Amino acid sequence: MSSPDLTALGYAFGRLAGATRFASPEIRRVASLATVAGAWRAYRRDAGAGDVGLAHQPSSDPSSILTTDDLRRDAVALWLAANGVPAIAEAATTVVRMVNATRGFEVDALRLLNVAQDAVAQAAAGGPLTQTCGLADLNSDHPLRGLTYVTAAVDVLITTPDFAERSGHEALLPLPSRSMLHYVAAEPAGCWALNLALVARGVAPTVIGAVPRTAFRLDLEDVERAVAFVDHNRHVASVSFQELEHIETMLWRGRDALAGLSRNARAAEAWALVVAFGPIRRTQIARALGLSRGGADIQAHALAAAKLVELEAEGLVTPALPASSPSPSASLKSGSLSAAAADLDHAMTEIDRLLSTRSRAG
């Protein structure tokens, strides 16, 4: 089996580290909100979809931390608000206000989170996953240094029954006329707790869900787990970099669109929430910014007037697609290039006339 590709992984993390280092304070604030939203998506991936909504009906968008009906959302936001580093705690506290979160984790889940936090704080790099990934003995300036704490925590926790992942199995499904073989996935273990602990401690900033469940598989060889871990994190780092680029682009778009609006500070703050979370309700904007319902309506309509969002039923505010840039042909028909284009068309017409005349003369 092939060995882990550290070159591509180092490039992905180095590019992300550079983008994070030079990000403006505004981009960092929005990225922290987006990180909390991403932590919820990673939780659902690791802990399973669960029973969501009334009568276990799925939400319209269960992966969105603002619009899901999954009651576990409250627990994730409350725990990050209470245990996260300042930037994450502040962002999670904003989410707690926005969704009016009240229900925390049960005792068993809190126990797993405590175990995960202890592993992150105490783990020493040098276990089998760390060694096989080639992450041991990296200097403090290396872009992959943060991942050594991640793999070290996995090395500690994989010997804990609550974290070790088991493989699924095939089973016979009895039917009226015959039986059918089908695959039964294994129940999720404690990987979700480690990923939440990593986000809370800011071990690998802007990288969300760094540990795939495959890293805890006892039925795989160390090299198989290492390759899966490295490939997963290369993808995660690339997605995180694209997210930062997206945030920067969207904030610039908002600044341009709101530049002509007097007293646009609150509208810009509302736009930052849309950039971080996507679809959002007006009541959630009001709670996040400390506005009245009417004040949130004003900001929503200001964003709609600037063609940044669309206002939908039940107070939902969704990002609007940016206006498509004009095609090259359309740009040449108007604006500063129109005169040059006209001259070129005239010259080409004259050349065609001369060539046609010479052809007839020949």
Protein backbone atom coordinates (compact mmCIF):
# COMPACT_ATOMS: atom_id res chain seq x y z
CA MET A 1 0.00 0.00 0.00
CA SER A 2 1.22 3.53 -0.78
CA SER A 3 2.65 5.67 2.00
CA PRO A 4 1.08 8.96 3.20
CA ASP A 5 1.66 11.91 0.85
CA LEU A 6 3.15 14.52 3.18
CA THR A 7 4.20 16.83 0.34
CA ALA A 8 0.63 17.55 -0.76
CA LEU A 9 -0.48 17.71 2.88
CA GLY A 10 2.28 20.19 3.75
CA TYR A 11 1.39 22.37 0.78
CA ALA A 12 -2.30 22.41 1.72
CA PHE A 13 -1.58 23.31 5.36
CA GLY A 14 1.13 25.83 4.46
CA ARG A 15 -1.22 27.65 2.11
CA LEU A 16 -3.95 27.65 4.76
CA ALA A 17 -1.54 28.90 7.44
CA GLY A 18 -0.47 31.79 5.22
CA ALA A 19 -4.05 32.77 4.43
CA THR A 20 -4.98 32.62 8.12
CA ARG A 21 -1.96 34.67 9.19
CA PHE A 22 -2.74 37.53 6.83
CA ALA A 23 -6.52 37.48 7.27
CA SER A 24 -8.03 40.72 8.52
CA PRO A 25 -9.74 40.88 11.93
CA GLU A 26 -13.11 40.99 10.17
CA ILE A 27 -12.35 37.84 8.19
CA ARG A 28 -11.17 36.12 11.37
CA ARG A 29 -14.40 36.97 13.20
CA VAL A 30 -16.55 35.63 10.37
CA ALA A 31 -14.30 32.55 10.08
CA SER A 32 -14.84 31.82 13.79
CA LEU A 33 -18.60 31.86 13.27
CA ALA A 34 -18.19 29.61 10.23
CA THR A 35 -15.99 27.29 12.32
CA VAL A 36 -18.78 26.79 14.85
CA ALA A 37 -21.19 26.07 12.01
CA GLY A 38 -18.67 23.62 10.55
CA ALA A 39 -18.21 21.95 13.94
CA TRP A 40 -21.91 21.10 13.90
CA ARG A 41 -21.62 19.51 10.44
CA ALA A 42 -18.59 17.49 11.59
CA TYR A 43 -20.51 16.38 14.69
CA ARG A 44 -23.39 15.03 12.59
CA ARG A 45 -20.90 13.24 10.34
CA ASP A 46 -19.15 11.58 13.30
CA ALA A 47 -22.05 10.99 15.70
CA GLY A 48 -24.62 10.00 13.10
CA ALA A 49 -27.72 11.72 11.81
CA GLY A 50 -29.70 10.94 14.95
CA ASP A 51 -33.45 11.37 15.38
CA VAL A 52 -34.31 14.86 14.23
CA GLY A 53 -37.46 16.89 14.15
CA LEU A 54 -40.99 16.13 15.19
CA ALA A 55 -41.82 12.45 14.73
CA HIS A 56 -38.24 11.99 13.52
CA GLN A 57 -38.89 13.98 10.38
CA PRO A 58 -35.71 15.42 8.86
CA SER A 59 -35.07 19.15 8.90
CA SER A 60 -35.19 21.19 5.72
CA ASP A 61 -31.41 21.54 6.13
CA PRO A 62 -30.18 19.40 9.04
CA SER A 63 -26.53 20.29 8.33
CA SER A 64 -27.19 23.99 9.05
CA ILE A 65 -26.62 24.91 12.67
CA LEU A 66 -29.32 27.60 12.42
CA THR A 67 -32.13 25.75 10.67
CA THR A 68 -31.78 22.15 11.89
CA ASP A 69 -34.41 20.58 14.11
CA ASP A 70 -31.84 18.25 15.70
CA LEU A 71 -31.90 18.91 19.45
CA ARG A 72 -28.21 18.01 19.74
CA ARG A 73 -27.40 21.32 18.05
CA ASP A 74 -28.05 23.15 21.32
CA ALA A 75 -25.60 20.90 23.15
CA VAL A 76 -22.80 21.48 20.62
CA ALA A 77 -23.20 25.26 20.72
CA LEU A 78 -23.47 25.43 24.52
CA TRP A 79 -20.42 23.21 25.03
CA LEU A 80 -18.24 25.21 22.64
CA ALA A 81 -19.38 28.44 24.28
CA ALA A 82 -18.35 27.11 27.69
CA ASN A 83 -15.11 25.36 26.70
CA GLY A 84 -13.74 27.06 23.60
CA VAL A 85 -10.77 29.39 23.28
CA PRO A 86 -11.91 33.05 23.27
CA ALA A 87 -12.57 33.35 19.52
CA ILE A 88 -14.55 30.08 19.41
CA ALA A 89 -16.36 30.75 22.70
CA GLU A 90 -17.47 34.18 21.49
CA ALA A 91 -18.71 32.78 18.18
CA ALA A 92 -20.51 29.89 19.87
CA THR A 93 -22.12 32.27 22.37
CA THR A 94 -23.49 34.21 19.40
CA VAL A 95 -24.98 30.98 18.03
CA VAL A 96 -26.46 30.15 21.45
CA ARG A 97 -28.29 33.50 21.40
CA MET A 98 -29.39 33.11 17.81
CA VAL A 99 -31.01 29.69 18.31
CA ASN A 100 -31.98 30.21 21.96
CA ALA A 101 -30.06 27.06 22.94
CA THR A 102 -30.99 25.58 26.32
CA ARG A 103 -30.34 21.83 26.33
CA GLY A 104 -26.79 20.62 26.96
CA PHE A 105 -25.09 17.25 26.59
CA GLU A 106 -26.09 14.27 28.74
CA VAL A 107 -23.71 12.88 31.36
CA ASP A 108 -22.28 10.13 29.13
CA ALA A 109 -21.49 12.58 26.33
CA LEU A 110 -19.82 14.98 28.76
CA ARG A 111 -17.68 12.13 30.03
CA LEU A 112 -16.44 11.42 26.50
CA LEU A 113 -15.69 15.10 25.97
CA ASN A 114 -13.67 15.24 29.19
CA VAL A 115 -11.66 12.19 28.13
CA ALA A 116 -11.02 13.76 24.72
CA GLN A 117 -9.90 17.06 26.27
CA ASP A 118 -7.49 15.25 28.58
CA ALA A 119 -6.02 13.36 25.61
CA VAL A 120 -5.47 16.57 23.65
CA ALA A 121 -3.82 18.25 26.63
CA GLN A 122 -1.60 15.36 27.73
CA ALA A 123 -0.75 13.37 24.61
CA ALA A 124 2.92 13.14 23.65
CA ALA A 125 3.74 12.72 19.97
CA GLY A 126 5.27 9.32 19.28
CA GLY A 127 2.45 6.78 18.95
CA PRO A 128 1.85 4.51 15.94
CA LEU A 129 -0.37 6.89 13.94
CA THR A 130 1.96 9.85 14.53
CA GLN A 131 4.99 7.80 13.49
CA THR A 132 3.35 6.24 10.45
CA CYS A 133 2.07 9.62 9.24
CA GLY A 134 5.64 10.95 9.47
CA LEU A 135 4.62 13.72 11.87
CA ALA A 136 7.00 12.94 14.74
CA ASP A 137 9.83 15.35 15.59
CA LEU A 138 8.53 18.30 13.55
CA ASN A 139 9.84 21.70 14.62
CA SER A 140 7.50 24.32 16.02
CA ASP A 141 7.46 26.34 12.77
CA HIS A 142 6.43 23.45 10.56
CA PRO A 143 2.95 23.92 9.03
CA LEU A 144 2.02 20.36 10.05
CA ARG A 145 3.07 20.79 13.68
CA GLY A 146 -0.53 21.20 14.84
CA LEU A 147 -1.46 17.81 13.38
CA THR A 148 1.00 16.05 15.71
CA TYR A 149 -1.29 16.90 18.63
CA VAL A 150 -4.21 15.46 16.67
CA THR A 151 -2.55 12.14 15.83
CA ALA A 152 -1.10 11.88 19.34
CA ALA A 153 -4.59 12.21 20.81
CA VAL A 154 -5.81 9.46 18.47
CA ASP A 155 -2.91 7.25 19.60
CA VAL A 156 -4.02 7.70 23.22
CA LEU A 157 -7.75 7.28 22.65
CA ILE A 158 -7.77 4.31 20.25
CA THR A 159 -7.11 2.01 23.20
CA THR A 160 -10.25 3.35 24.90
CA PRO A 161 -13.32 1.20 24.12
CA ASP A 162 -15.58 4.25 23.80
CA PHE A 163 -13.45 5.66 20.96
CA ALA A 164 -12.36 2.58 19.01
CA GLU A 165 -14.41 2.23 15.82
CA ARG A 166 -15.66 -1.15 14.76
CA SER A 167 -16.28 -2.30 11.23
CA GLY A 168 -19.79 -2.92 9.97
CA HIS A 169 -21.11 -6.36 9.11
CA GLU A 170 -23.41 -8.08 6.69
CA ALA A 171 -26.72 -9.46 7.87
CA LEU A 172 -29.68 -11.27 6.36
CA LEU A 173 -32.85 -9.25 5.98
CA PRO A 174 -35.86 -11.60 6.01
CA LEU A 175 -38.41 -10.92 3.27
CA PRO A 176 -41.73 -12.69 2.54
CA SER A 177 -40.33 -14.77 -0.31
CA ARG A 178 -36.62 -14.84 0.46
CA SER A 179 -33.85 -13.28 2.53
CA MET A 180 -31.59 -10.50 1.29
CA LEU A 181 -28.02 -9.81 2.40
CA HIS A 182 -27.43 -6.22 3.41
CA TYR A 183 -24.69 -4.19 5.10
CA VAL A 184 -25.19 -2.91 8.64
CA ALA A 185 -22.94 0.01 9.55
CA ALA A 186 -21.28 0.04 12.95
CA GLU A 187 -22.58 2.43 15.58
CA PRO A 188 -20.49 5.63 15.84
CA ALA A 189 -17.94 5.74 18.65
CA GLY A 190 -16.35 8.79 20.30
CA CYS A 191 -14.60 10.39 17.32
CA TRP A 192 -17.09 13.27 17.49
CA ALA A 193 -15.89 14.17 21.00
CA LEU A 194 -12.25 14.47 19.90
CA ASN A 195 -13.13 16.67 16.94
CA LEU A 196 -15.17 18.98 19.18
CA ALA A 197 -12.33 19.14 21.71
CA LEU A 198 -9.87 20.06 18.94
CA VAL A 199 -12.12 22.90 17.75
CA ALA A 200 -12.62 24.14 21.31
CA ARG A 201 -8.88 24.23 22.04
CA GLY A 202 -7.94 25.72 18.68
CA VAL A 203 -5.34 23.00 18.12
CA ALA A 204 -5.57 23.28 14.32
CA PRO A 205 -7.24 26.68 13.71
CA THR A 206 -9.80 26.82 10.89
CA VAL A 207 -9.45 23.04 10.33
CA ILE A 208 -12.73 21.38 11.29
CA GLY A 209 -13.28 17.67 11.72
CA ALA A 210 -9.59 16.81 11.36
CA VAL A 211 -10.05 13.24 12.62
CA PRO A 212 -11.93 10.83 10.36
CA ARG A 213 -13.61 7.85 12.00
CA THR A 214 -11.27 5.64 9.95
CA ALA A 215 -8.39 6.75 12.18
CA PHE A 216 -10.00 4.80 15.05
CA ARG A 217 -10.58 1.58 13.08
CA LEU A 218 -9.04 -1.38 14.92
CA ASP A 219 -9.35 -3.68 11.92
CA LEU A 220 -6.98 -1.59 9.76
CA GLU A 221 -3.20 -1.55 9.63
CA ASP A 222 -1.40 1.56 10.85
CA VAL A 223 -0.37 2.50 7.32
CA GLU A 224 -3.99 2.25 6.14
CA ARG A 225 -5.14 4.52 8.95
CA ALA A 226 -2.28 6.93 8.23
CA VAL A 227 -3.05 7.20 4.51
CA ALA A 228 -6.73 7.79 5.28
CA PHE A 229 -5.84 10.44 7.88
CA VAL A 230 -3.43 12.31 5.58
CA ASP A 231 -5.77 12.21 2.58
CA HIS A 232 -8.67 13.39 4.73
CA ASN A 233 -6.72 16.32 6.15
CA ARG A 234 -5.40 17.37 2.76
CA HIS A 235 -9.01 17.64 1.64
CA VAL A 236 -10.11 19.40 4.85
CA ALA A 237 -7.28 21.97 4.60
CA SER A 238 -8.15 22.69 0.96
CA VAL A 239 -11.81 23.17 1.86
CA SER A 240 -10.83 25.48 4.76
CA PHE A 241 -8.66 27.57 2.42
CA GLN A 242 -11.51 27.86 -0.06
CA GLU A 243 -13.80 28.89 2.79
CA LEU A 244 -11.45 31.74 3.74
CA GLU A 245 -11.31 32.84 0.10
CA HIS A 246 -15.11 32.70 -0.06
CA ILE A 247 -15.46 34.77 3.12
CA GLU A 248 -13.06 37.42 1.82
CA THR A 249 -14.84 37.61 -1.54
CA MET A 250 -18.28 37.85 0.03
CA LEU A 251 -17.23 40.55 2.51
CA TRP A 252 -15.79 42.60 -0.34
CA ARG A 253 -19.00 42.13 -2.26
CA GLY A 254 -20.96 43.40 0.74
CA ARG A 255 -18.74 46.45 1.18
CA ASP A 256 -19.19 47.40 -2.47
CA ALA A 257 -22.94 46.86 -2.41
CA LEU A 258 -23.49 48.79 0.84
CA ALA A 259 -21.06 51.63 0.14
CA GLY A 260 -23.82 54.03 -0.92
CA LEU A 261 -26.03 53.25 2.07
CA SER A 262 -25.98 55.75 4.91
CA ARG A 263 -25.60 54.24 8.38
CA ASN A 264 -24.69 50.88 6.90
CA ALA A 265 -22.75 49.48 9.89
CA ARG A 266 -25.61 47.30 11.11
CA ALA A 267 -26.38 46.11 7.60
CA ALA A 268 -22.72 45.12 7.22
CA GLU A 269 -22.93 43.16 10.49
CA ALA A 270 -26.06 41.40 9.26
CA TRP A 271 -24.30 40.57 6.00
CA ALA A 272 -21.37 39.09 7.93
CA LEU A 273 -23.83 36.68 9.60
CA VAL A 274 -25.17 35.65 6.19
CA VAL A 275 -21.62 35.08 4.94
CA ALA A 276 -20.79 32.89 7.95
CA PHE A 277 -23.98 30.83 8.14
CA GLY A 278 -25.82 31.08 4.84
CA PRO A 279 -29.63 31.08 5.18
CA ILE A 280 -30.68 32.80 8.39
CA ARG A 281 -33.94 33.97 9.92
CA ARG A 282 -34.64 37.60 10.75
CA THR A 283 -35.27 36.69 14.39
CA GLN A 284 -31.79 35.20 14.52
CA ILE A 285 -30.30 38.38 13.09
CA ALA A 286 -32.15 40.33 15.77
CA ARG A 287 -30.80 38.11 18.57
CA ALA A 288 -27.23 38.17 17.25
CA LEU A 289 -27.08 41.95 16.84
CA GLY A 290 -29.28 42.95 19.77
CA LEU A 291 -31.93 44.46 17.51
CA SER A 292 -35.69 44.58 17.75
CA ARG A 293 -37.74 42.58 15.29
CA GLY A 294 -38.37 45.76 13.35
CA GLY A 295 -34.68 46.63 13.37
CA ALA A 296 -33.81 43.23 11.93
CA ASP A 297 -36.45 43.73 9.23
CA ILE A 298 -34.84 47.03 8.28
CA GLN A 299 -31.41 45.41 7.92
CA ALA A 300 -32.84 42.51 5.93
CA HIS A 301 -34.57 44.87 3.52
CA ALA A 302 -31.38 46.93 3.21
CA LEU A 303 -29.47 43.81 2.19
CA ALA A 304 -32.22 42.87 -0.25
CA ALA A 305 -32.17 46.37 -1.77
CA ALA A 306 -28.44 45.97 -2.27
CA LYS A 307 -29.15 42.67 -4.09
CA LEU A 308 -27.14 40.72 -1.53
CA VAL A 309 -29.98 38.54 -0.24
CA GLU A 310 -33.43 37.33 -1.08
CA LEU A 311 -36.28 37.54 1.42
CA GLU A 312 -38.33 34.37 1.63
CA ALA A 313 -41.32 33.11 3.58
CA GLU A 314 -41.26 32.72 7.37
CA GLY A 315 -38.60 35.39 7.75
CA LEU A 316 -35.85 33.44 6.01
CA VAL A 317 -33.01 35.48 4.52
CA THR A 318 -30.91 33.64 1.92
CA PRO A 319 -27.80 34.81 0.05
CA ALA A 320 -28.50 35.99 -3.48
CA LEU A 321 -26.34 34.84 -6.33
CA PRO A 322 -23.98 37.58 -7.50
CA ALA A 323 -24.93 39.27 -10.72
CA SER A 324 -23.17 37.58 -13.60
CA SER A 325 -20.34 39.56 -15.08
CA PRO A 326 -21.03 40.86 -18.60
CA SER A 327 -19.79 38.74 -21.45
CA PRO A 328 -16.80 40.03 -23.45
CA SER A 329 -19.05 40.83 -26.41
CA ALA A 330 -21.38 42.83 -24.18
CA SER A 331 -18.45 44.73 -22.66
CA LEU A 332 -17.21 45.72 -26.11
CA LYS A 333 -20.58 47.15 -27.08
CA SER A 334 -20.59 49.73 -24.32
CA GLY A 335 -18.17 51.43 -21.99
CA SER A 336 -14.58 52.54 -22.48
CA LEU A 337 -13.77 49.85 -25.04
CA SER A 338 -16.69 50.56 -27.35
CA ALA A 339 -14.83 53.19 -29.41
CA ALA A 340 -11.80 50.95 -29.81
CA ALA A 341 -14.04 48.07 -30.82
CA ALA A 342 -15.76 50.26 -33.42
CA ASP A 343 -12.40 51.31 -34.88
CA LEU A 344 -11.30 47.66 -35.05
CA ASP A 345 -14.53 46.64 -36.77
CA HIS A 346 -14.10 49.46 -39.29
CA ALA A 347 -10.47 48.44 -39.97
CA MET A 348 -11.41 44.78 -40.44
CA THR A 349 -14.21 45.77 -42.81
CA GLU A 350 -11.76 47.84 -44.84
CA ILE A 351 -9.28 44.94 -44.98
CA ASP A 352 -12.03 42.60 -46.16
CA ARG A 353 -13.00 45.13 -48.87
CA LEU A 354 -9.39 45.46 -50.10
CA LEU A 355 -8.89 41.68 -50.17
CA SER A 356 -12.13 41.22 -52.04
CA THR A 357 -11.14 43.89 -54.60
CA ARG A 358 -7.69 42.31 -55.13
CA SER A 359 -9.27 38.89 -55.56
CA ARG A 360 -11.58 40.15 -58.30
CA ALA A 361 -8.73 42.00 -60.02
CA GLY A 362 -6.61 38.82 -60.04
